[in-house]
């Protein structure tokens, strides 16, 4: 029963994680964007605003939940 519940939660969190990653906007395009985007991020000139900030926080939370649930499923499965 617990194993089934954990697996179900893991599937839901996995789908949410995939969606949150796919909805995030790309930081830059091409090689020149990669170089300038890295410099802007390093020096803090580019801040995430609005929906991007929410998606970044959601991605972090969902990834932590994913790892915790994966460990819990493997522990309960023993």
PDB file of N, CA and C in Angstrom:
ATOM      1  N   UNK A   1       0.821  -1.189   0.000  1.00  0.00           N
ATOM      2  CA  UNK A   1       0.000   0.000   0.000  1.00  0.00           C
ATOM      3  C   UNK A   1       0.874   1.267   0.000  1.00  0.00           C
ATOM      4  N   UNK A   2       1.838   1.325   0.904  1.00  0.00           N
ATOM      5  CA  UNK A   2       2.735   2.480   0.978  1.00  0.00           C
ATOM      6  C   UNK A   2       3.598   2.585  -0.280  1.00  0.00           C
ATOM      7  N   UNK A   3       4.039   1.447  -0.776  1.00  0.00           N
ATOM      8  CA  UNK A   3       4.860   1.422  -1.980  1.00  0.00           C
ATOM      9  C   UNK A   3       4.089   1.983  -3.167  1.00  0.00           C
ATOM     10  N   UNK A   4       2.825   1.609  -3.298  1.00  0.00           N
ATOM     11  CA  UNK A   4       1.986   2.105  -4.388  1.00  0.00           C
ATOM     12  C   UNK A   4       1.772   3.613  -4.263  1.00  0.00           C
ATOM     13  N   UNK A   5       1.553   4.098  -3.065  1.00  0.00           N
ATOM     14  CA  UNK A   5       1.370   5.526  -2.844  1.00  0.00           C
ATOM     15  C   UNK A   5       2.632   6.303  -3.201  1.00  0.00           C
ATOM     16  N   UNK A   6       3.787   5.793  -2.799  1.00  0.00           N
ATOM     17  CA  UNK A   6       5.046   6.459  -3.111  1.00  0.00           C
ATOM     18  C   UNK A   6       5.326   6.476  -4.608  1.00  0.00           C
ATOM     19  N   UNK A   7       5.017   5.371  -5.283  1.00  0.00           N
ATOM     20  CA  UNK A   7       5.214   5.303  -6.735  1.00  0.00           C
ATOM     21  C   UNK A   7       4.304   6.313  -7.431  1.00  0.00           C
ATOM     22  N   UNK A   8       3.060   6.413  -6.978  1.00  0.00           N
ATOM     23  CA  UNK A   8       2.117   7.358  -7.568  1.00  0.00           C
ATOM     24  C   UNK A   8       2.601   8.795  -7.374  1.00  0.00           C
ATOM     25  N   UNK A   9       3.052   9.115  -6.172  1.00  0.00           N
ATOM     26  CA  UNK A   9       3.590  10.447  -5.919  1.00  0.00           C
ATOM     27  C   UNK A   9       4.835  10.717  -6.755  1.00  0.00           C
ATOM     28  N   UNK A  10       5.664   9.710  -6.932  1.00  0.00           N
ATOM     29  CA  UNK A  10       6.880   9.861  -7.735  1.00  0.00           C
ATOM     30  C   UNK A  10       6.540  10.161  -9.190  1.00  0.00           C
ATOM     31  N   UNK A  11       5.525   9.499  -9.727  1.00  0.00           N
ATOM     32  CA  UNK A  11       5.107   9.747 -11.111  1.00  0.00           C
ATOM     33  C   UNK A  11       4.569  11.170 -11.254  1.00  0.00           C
ATOM     34  N   UNK A  12       3.759  11.613 -10.292  1.00  0.00           N
ATOM     35  CA  UNK A  12       3.195  12.963 -10.348  1.00  0.00           C
ATOM     36  C   UNK A  12       4.299  14.013 -10.255  1.00  0.00           C
ATOM     37  N   UNK A  13       5.247  13.813  -9.337  1.00  0.00           N
ATOM     38  CA  UNK A  13       6.362  14.757  -9.188  1.00  0.00           C
ATOM     39  C   UNK A  13       7.237  14.745 -10.437  1.00  0.00           C
ATOM     40  N   UNK A  14       7.441  13.585 -11.025  1.00  0.00           N
ATOM     41  CA  UNK A  14       8.253  13.490 -12.244  1.00  0.00           C
ATOM     42  C   UNK A  14       7.621  14.263 -13.389  1.00  0.00           C
ATOM     43  N   UNK A  15       6.322  14.130 -13.555  1.00  0.00           N
ATOM     44  CA  UNK A  15       5.630  14.860 -14.613  1.00  0.00           C
ATOM     45  C   UNK A  15       5.691  16.361 -14.349  1.00  0.00           C
ATOM     46  N   UNK A  16       5.510  16.758 -13.094  1.00  0.00           N
ATOM     47  CA  UNK A  16       5.613  18.173 -12.739  1.00  0.00           C
ATOM     48  C   UNK A  16       7.002  18.726 -12.988  1.00  0.00           C
ATOM     49  N   UNK A  17       8.024  17.940 -12.696  1.00  0.00           N
ATOM     50  CA  UNK A  17       9.403  18.364 -12.927  1.00  0.00           C
ATOM     51  C   UNK A  17       9.682  18.537 -14.420  1.00  0.00           C
ATOM     52  N   UNK A  18       9.217  17.607 -15.221  1.00  0.00           N
ATOM     53  CA  UNK A  18       9.398  17.706 -16.670  1.00  0.00           C
ATOM     54  C   UNK A  18       8.708  18.953 -17.204  1.00  0.00           C
ATOM     55  N   UNK A  19       7.488  19.198 -16.762  1.00  0.00           N
ATOM     56  CA  UNK A  19       6.736  20.363 -17.233  1.00  0.00           C
ATOM     57  C   UNK A  19       7.420  21.663 -16.806  1.00  0.00           C
ATOM     58  N   UNK A  20       7.876  21.723 -15.566  1.00  0.00           N
ATOM     59  CA  UNK A  20       8.507  22.960 -15.092  1.00  0.00           C
ATOM     60  C   UNK A  20       9.813  23.246 -15.824  1.00  0.00           C
ATOM     61  N   UNK A  21      10.553  22.211 -16.173  1.00  0.00           N
ATOM     62  CA  UNK A  21      11.795  22.417 -16.922  1.00  0.00           C
ATOM     63  C   UNK A  21      11.487  22.856 -18.352  1.00  0.00           C
ATOM     64  N   UNK A  22      10.483  22.255 -18.973  1.00  0.00           N
ATOM     65  CA  UNK A  22      10.162  22.599 -20.355  1.00  0.00           C
ATOM     66  C   UNK A  22       9.538  23.989 -20.490  1.00  0.00           C
ATOM     67  N   UNK A  23       8.881  24.477 -19.456  1.00  0.00           N
ATOM     68  CA  UNK A  23       8.251  25.791 -19.522  1.00  0.00           C
ATOM     69  C   UNK A  23       9.227  26.941 -19.299  1.00  0.00           C
ATOM     70  N   UNK A  24      10.409  26.647 -18.793  1.00  0.00           N
ATOM     71  CA  UNK A  24      11.379  27.713 -18.548  1.00  0.00           C
ATOM     72  C   UNK A  24      11.907  28.242 -19.869  1.00  0.00           C
ATOM     73  N   UNK A  25      12.091  29.556 -19.916  1.00  0.00           N
ATOM     74  CA  UNK A  25      12.616  30.155 -21.137  1.00  0.00           C
ATOM     75  C   UNK A  25      14.117  29.922 -21.217  1.00  0.00           C
ATOM     76  N   UNK A  26      14.608  29.831 -22.436  1.00  0.00           N
ATOM     77  CA  UNK A  26      16.039  29.642 -22.639  1.00  0.00           C
ATOM     78  C   UNK A  26      16.800  30.895 -22.256  1.00  0.00           C
ATOM     79  N   UNK A  27      17.950  30.743 -21.653  1.00  0.00           N
ATOM     80  CA  UNK A  27      18.741  31.893 -21.213  1.00  0.00           C
ATOM     81  C   UNK A  27      19.424  32.591 -22.388  1.00  0.00           C
ATOM     82  N   UNK A  28      19.826  31.839 -23.388  1.00  0.00           N
ATOM     83  CA  UNK A  28      20.523  32.431 -24.519  1.00  0.00           C
ATOM     84  C   UNK A  28      20.459  31.465 -25.688  1.00  0.00           C
ATOM     85  N   UNK A  29      20.836  31.963 -26.847  1.00  0.00           N
ATOM     86  CA  UNK A  29      20.831  31.126 -28.044  1.00  0.00           C
ATOM     87  C   UNK A  29      22.193  31.211 -28.715  1.00  0.00           C
ATOM     88  N   UNK A  30      22.723  30.075 -29.058  1.00  0.00           N
ATOM     89  CA  UNK A  30      23.979  30.060 -29.780  1.00  0.00           C
ATOM     90  C   UNK A  30      25.200  30.259 -28.896  1.00  0.00           C
ATOM     91  N   UNK A  31      26.354  30.256 -29.534  1.00  0.00           N
ATOM     92  CA  UNK A  31      27.618  30.366 -28.812  1.00  0.00           C
ATOM     93  C   UNK A  31      27.811  31.754 -28.221  1.00  0.00           C
ATOM     94  N   UNK A  32      27.467  32.796 -28.968  1.00  0.00           N
ATOM     95  CA  UNK A  32      27.651  34.154 -28.445  1.00  0.00           C
ATOM     96  C   UNK A  32      26.734  34.405 -27.253  1.00  0.00           C
ATOM     97  N   UNK A  33      25.542  33.878 -27.289  1.00  0.00           N
ATOM     98  CA  UNK A  33      24.631  34.012 -26.164  1.00  0.00           C
ATOM     99  C   UNK A  33      25.103  33.232 -24.954  1.00  0.00           C
ATOM    100  N   UNK A  34      25.734  32.101 -25.204  1.00  0.00           N
ATOM    101  CA  UNK A  34      26.239  31.292 -24.094  1.00  0.00           C
ATOM    102  C   UNK A  34      27.363  32.011 -23.365  1.00  0.00           C
ATOM    103  N   UNK A  35      28.222  32.700 -24.129  1.00  0.00           N
ATOM    104  CA  UNK A  35      29.329  33.416 -23.512  1.00  0.00           C
ATOM    105  C   UNK A  35      28.813  34.634 -22.745  1.00  0.00           C
ATOM    106  N   UNK A  36      27.964  35.432 -23.381  1.00  0.00           N
ATOM    107  CA  UNK A  36      27.464  36.634 -22.707  1.00  0.00           C
ATOM    108  C   UNK A  36      26.490  36.276 -21.593  1.00  0.00           C
ATOM    109  N   UNK A  37      25.706  35.235 -21.777  1.00  0.00           N
ATOM    110  CA  UNK A  37      24.776  34.812 -20.729  1.00  0.00           C
ATOM    111  C   UNK A  37      25.506  34.330 -19.494  1.00  0.00           C
ATOM    112  N   UNK A  38      26.621  33.632 -19.690  1.00  0.00           N
ATOM    113  CA  UNK A  38      27.415  33.179 -18.551  1.00  0.00           C
ATOM    114  C   UNK A  38      28.035  34.339 -17.801  1.00  0.00           C
ATOM    115  N   UNK A  39      28.489  35.358 -18.539  1.00  0.00           N
ATOM    116  CA  UNK A  39      29.078  36.529 -17.893  1.00  0.00           C
ATOM    117  C   UNK A  39      28.023  37.310 -17.123  1.00  0.00           C
ATOM    118  N   UNK A  40      26.838  37.452 -17.708  1.00  0.00           N
ATOM    119  CA  UNK A  40      25.771  38.184 -17.024  1.00  0.00           C
ATOM    120  C   UNK A  40      25.339  37.456 -15.765  1.00  0.00           C
ATOM    121  N   UNK A  41      25.274  36.150 -15.846  1.00  0.00           N
ATOM    122  CA  UNK A  41      24.862  35.392 -14.675  1.00  0.00           C
ATOM    123  C   UNK A  41      25.948  35.437 -13.597  1.00  0.00           C
ATOM    124  N   UNK A  42      27.192  35.428 -14.009  1.00  0.00           N
ATOM    125  CA  UNK A  42      28.297  35.467 -13.056  1.00  0.00           C
ATOM    126  C   UNK A  42      28.326  36.788 -12.300  1.00  0.00           C
ATOM    127  N   UNK A  43      28.116  37.881 -13.013  1.00  0.00           N
ATOM    128  CA  UNK A  43      28.186  39.196 -12.391  1.00  0.00           C
ATOM    129  C   UNK A  43      26.849  39.695 -11.877  1.00  0.00           C
ATOM    130  N   UNK A  44      25.806  38.900 -12.018  1.00  0.00           N
ATOM    131  CA  UNK A  44      24.516  39.236 -11.428  1.00  0.00           C
ATOM    132  C   UNK A  44      23.737  40.306 -12.151  1.00  0.00           C
ATOM    133  N   UNK A  45      23.950  40.489 -13.426  1.00  0.00           N
ATOM    134  CA  UNK A  45      23.210  41.507 -14.164  1.00  0.00           C
ATOM    135  C   UNK A  45      21.843  41.018 -14.612  1.00  0.00           C
ATOM    136  N   UNK A  46      21.659  39.735 -14.652  1.00  0.00           N
ATOM    137  CA  UNK A  46      20.407  39.194 -15.155  1.00  0.00           C
ATOM    138  C   UNK A  46      19.673  38.497 -14.015  1.00  0.00           C
ATOM    139  N   UNK A  47      18.528  39.011 -13.653  1.00  0.00           N
ATOM    140  CA  UNK A  47      17.716  38.421 -12.593  1.00  0.00           C
ATOM    141  C   UNK A  47      16.467  37.817 -13.207  1.00  0.00           C
ATOM    142  N   UNK A  48      16.045  36.699 -12.665  1.00  0.00           N
ATOM    143  CA  UNK A  48      14.805  36.090 -13.126  1.00  0.00           C
ATOM    144  C   UNK A  48      13.634  36.846 -12.511  1.00  0.00           C
ATOM    145  N   UNK A  49      12.656  37.151 -13.326  1.00  0.00           N
ATOM    146  CA  UNK A  49      11.504  37.898 -12.846  1.00  0.00           C
ATOM    147  C   UNK A  49      10.227  37.164 -13.227  1.00  0.00           C
ATOM    148  N   UNK A  50       9.215  37.361 -12.424  1.00  0.00           N
ATOM    149  CA  UNK A  50       7.893  36.867 -12.751  1.00  0.00           C
ATOM    150  C   UNK A  50       7.805  35.368 -12.806  1.00  0.00           C
ATOM    151  N   UNK A  51       7.313  34.904 -13.929  1.00  0.00           N
ATOM    152  CA  UNK A  51       7.063  33.479 -14.112  1.00  0.00           C
ATOM    153  C   UNK A  51       8.354  32.666 -14.088  1.00  0.00           C
ATOM    154  N   UNK A  52       9.423  33.229 -14.621  1.00  0.00           N
ATOM    155  CA  UNK A  52      10.709  32.498 -14.612  1.00  0.00           C
ATOM    156  C   UNK A  52      11.184  32.220 -13.194  1.00  0.00           C
ATOM    157  N   UNK A  53      11.009  33.183 -12.295  1.00  0.00           N
ATOM    158  CA  UNK A  53      11.425  32.985 -10.901  1.00  0.00           C
ATOM    159  C   UNK A  53      10.582  31.901 -10.237  1.00  0.00           C
ATOM    160  N   UNK A  54       9.287  31.918 -10.506  1.00  0.00           N
ATOM    161  CA  UNK A  54       8.400  30.900  -9.941  1.00  0.00           C
ATOM    162  C   UNK A  54       8.765  29.524 -10.480  1.00  0.00           C
ATOM    163  N   UNK A  55       9.047  29.443 -11.769  1.00  0.00           N
ATOM    164  CA  UNK A  55       9.414  28.155 -12.368  1.00  0.00           C
ATOM    165  C   UNK A  55      10.752  27.645 -11.837  1.00  0.00           C
ATOM    166  N   UNK A  56      11.684  28.548 -11.580  1.00  0.00           N
ATOM    167  CA  UNK A  56      12.967  28.123 -11.017  1.00  0.00           C
ATOM    168  C   UNK A  56      12.787  27.550  -9.618  1.00  0.00           C
ATOM    169  N   UNK A  57      11.989  28.212  -8.806  1.00  0.00           N
ATOM    170  CA  UNK A  57      11.748  27.718  -7.448  1.00  0.00           C
ATOM    171  C   UNK A  57      10.979  26.404  -7.476  1.00  0.00           C
ATOM    172  N   UNK A  58      10.005  26.301  -8.379  1.00  0.00           N
ATOM    173  CA  UNK A  58       9.233  25.064  -8.501  1.00  0.00           C
ATOM    174  C   UNK A  58      10.127  23.911  -8.948  1.00  0.00           C
ATOM    175  N   UNK A  59      11.056  24.195  -9.850  1.00  0.00           N
ATOM    176  CA  UNK A  59      11.978  23.155 -10.319  1.00  0.00           C
ATOM    177  C   UNK A  59      12.868  22.663  -9.187  1.00  0.00           C
ATOM    178  N   UNK A  60      13.341  23.575  -8.359  1.00  0.00           N
ATOM    179  CA  UNK A  60      14.184  23.180  -7.228  1.00  0.00           C
ATOM    180  C   UNK A  60      13.397  22.317  -6.251  1.00  0.00           C
ATOM    181  N   UNK A  61      12.186  22.749  -5.912  1.00  0.00           N
ATOM    182  CA  UNK A  61      11.360  21.996  -4.967  1.00  0.00           C
ATOM    183  C   UNK A  61      11.013  20.624  -5.530  1.00  0.00           C
ATOM    184  N   UNK A  62      10.616  20.577  -6.793  1.00  0.00           N
ATOM    185  CA  UNK A  62      10.244  19.300  -7.399  1.00  0.00           C
ATOM    186  C   UNK A  62      11.437  18.360  -7.528  1.00  0.00           C
ATOM    187  N   UNK A  63      12.628  18.899  -7.798  1.00  0.00           N
ATOM    188  CA  UNK A  63      13.797  18.022  -7.904  1.00  0.00           C
ATOM    189  C   UNK A  63      14.173  17.431  -6.550  1.00  0.00           C
ATOM    190  N   UNK A  64      14.055  18.225  -5.484  1.00  0.00           N
ATOM    191  CA  UNK A  64      14.326  17.693  -4.143  1.00  0.00           C
ATOM    192  C   UNK A  64      13.302  16.616  -3.792  1.00  0.00           C
ATOM    193  N   UNK A  65      12.024  16.888  -4.092  1.00  0.00           N
ATOM    194  CA  UNK A  65      10.988  15.878  -3.848  1.00  0.00           C
ATOM    195  C   UNK A  65      11.239  14.608  -4.650  1.00  0.00           C
ATOM    196  N   UNK A  66      11.691  14.780  -5.885  1.00  0.00           N
ATOM    197  CA  UNK A  66      11.987  13.621  -6.734  1.00  0.00           C
ATOM    198  C   UNK A  66      13.051  12.731  -6.093  1.00  0.00           C
ATOM    199  N   UNK A  67      14.132  13.341  -5.628  1.00  0.00           N
ATOM    200  CA  UNK A  67      15.198  12.542  -5.023  1.00  0.00           C
ATOM    201  C   UNK A  67      14.761  11.894  -3.711  1.00  0.00           C
ATOM    202  N   UNK A  68      14.013  12.630  -2.910  1.00  0.00           N
ATOM    203  CA  UNK A  68      13.539  12.070  -1.643  1.00  0.00           C
ATOM    204  C   UNK A  68      12.581  10.900  -1.898  1.00  0.00           C
ATOM    205  N   UNK A  69      11.664  11.085  -2.833  1.00  0.00           N
ATOM    206  CA  UNK A  69      10.715  10.003  -3.138  1.00  0.00           C
ATOM    207  C   UNK A  69      11.415   8.797  -3.762  1.00  0.00           C
ATOM    208  N   UNK A  70      12.417   9.039  -4.580  1.00  0.00           N
ATOM    209  CA  UNK A  70      13.160   7.929  -5.182  1.00  0.00           C
ATOM    210  C   UNK A  70      13.868   7.106  -4.114  1.00  0.00           C
ATOM    211  N   UNK A  71      14.481   7.780  -3.160  1.00  0.00           N
ATOM    212  CA  UNK A  71      15.150   7.074  -2.064  1.00  0.00           C
ATOM    213  C   UNK A  71      14.115   6.335  -1.214  1.00  0.00           C
ATOM    214  N   UNK A  72      12.966   6.974  -0.956  1.00  0.00           N
ATOM    215  CA  UNK A  72      11.921   6.332  -0.147  1.00  0.00           C
ATOM    216  C   UNK A  72      11.357   5.095  -0.853  1.00  0.00           C
ATOM    217  N   UNK A  73      11.165   5.175  -2.163  1.00  0.00           N
ATOM    218  CA  UNK A  73      10.650   4.023  -2.902  1.00  0.00           C
ATOM    219  C   UNK A  73      11.651   2.865  -2.861  1.00  0.00           C
ATOM    220  N   UNK A  74      12.916   3.179  -3.005  1.00  0.00           N
ATOM    221  CA  UNK A  74      13.924   2.113  -2.971  1.00  0.00           C
ATOM    222  C   UNK A  74      14.026   1.516  -1.562  1.00  0.00           C
ATOM    223  N   UNK A  75      13.867   2.333  -0.539  1.00  0.00           N
ATOM    224  CA  UNK A  75      13.931   1.838   0.849  1.00  0.00           C
ATOM    225  C   UNK A  75      12.715   0.969   1.177  1.00  0.00           C
ATOM    226  N   UNK A  76      11.530   1.408   0.777  1.00  0.00           N
ATOM    227  CA  UNK A  76      10.303   0.637   1.063  1.00  0.00           C
ATOM    228  C   UNK A  76      10.277  -0.634   0.214  1.00  0.00           C
ATOM    229  N   UNK A  77      10.860  -0.583  -0.962  1.00  0.00           N
ATOM    230  CA  UNK A  77      10.862  -1.738  -1.846  1.00  0.00           C
ATOM    231  C   UNK A  77      11.748  -2.877  -1.341  1.00  0.00           C
ATOM    232  N   UNK A  78      12.617  -2.616  -0.409  1.00  0.00           N
ATOM    233  CA  UNK A  78      13.504  -3.650   0.126  1.00  0.00           C
ATOM    234  C   UNK A  78      12.701  -4.551   0.969  1.00  0.00           C
TER     235      UNK A  78
END
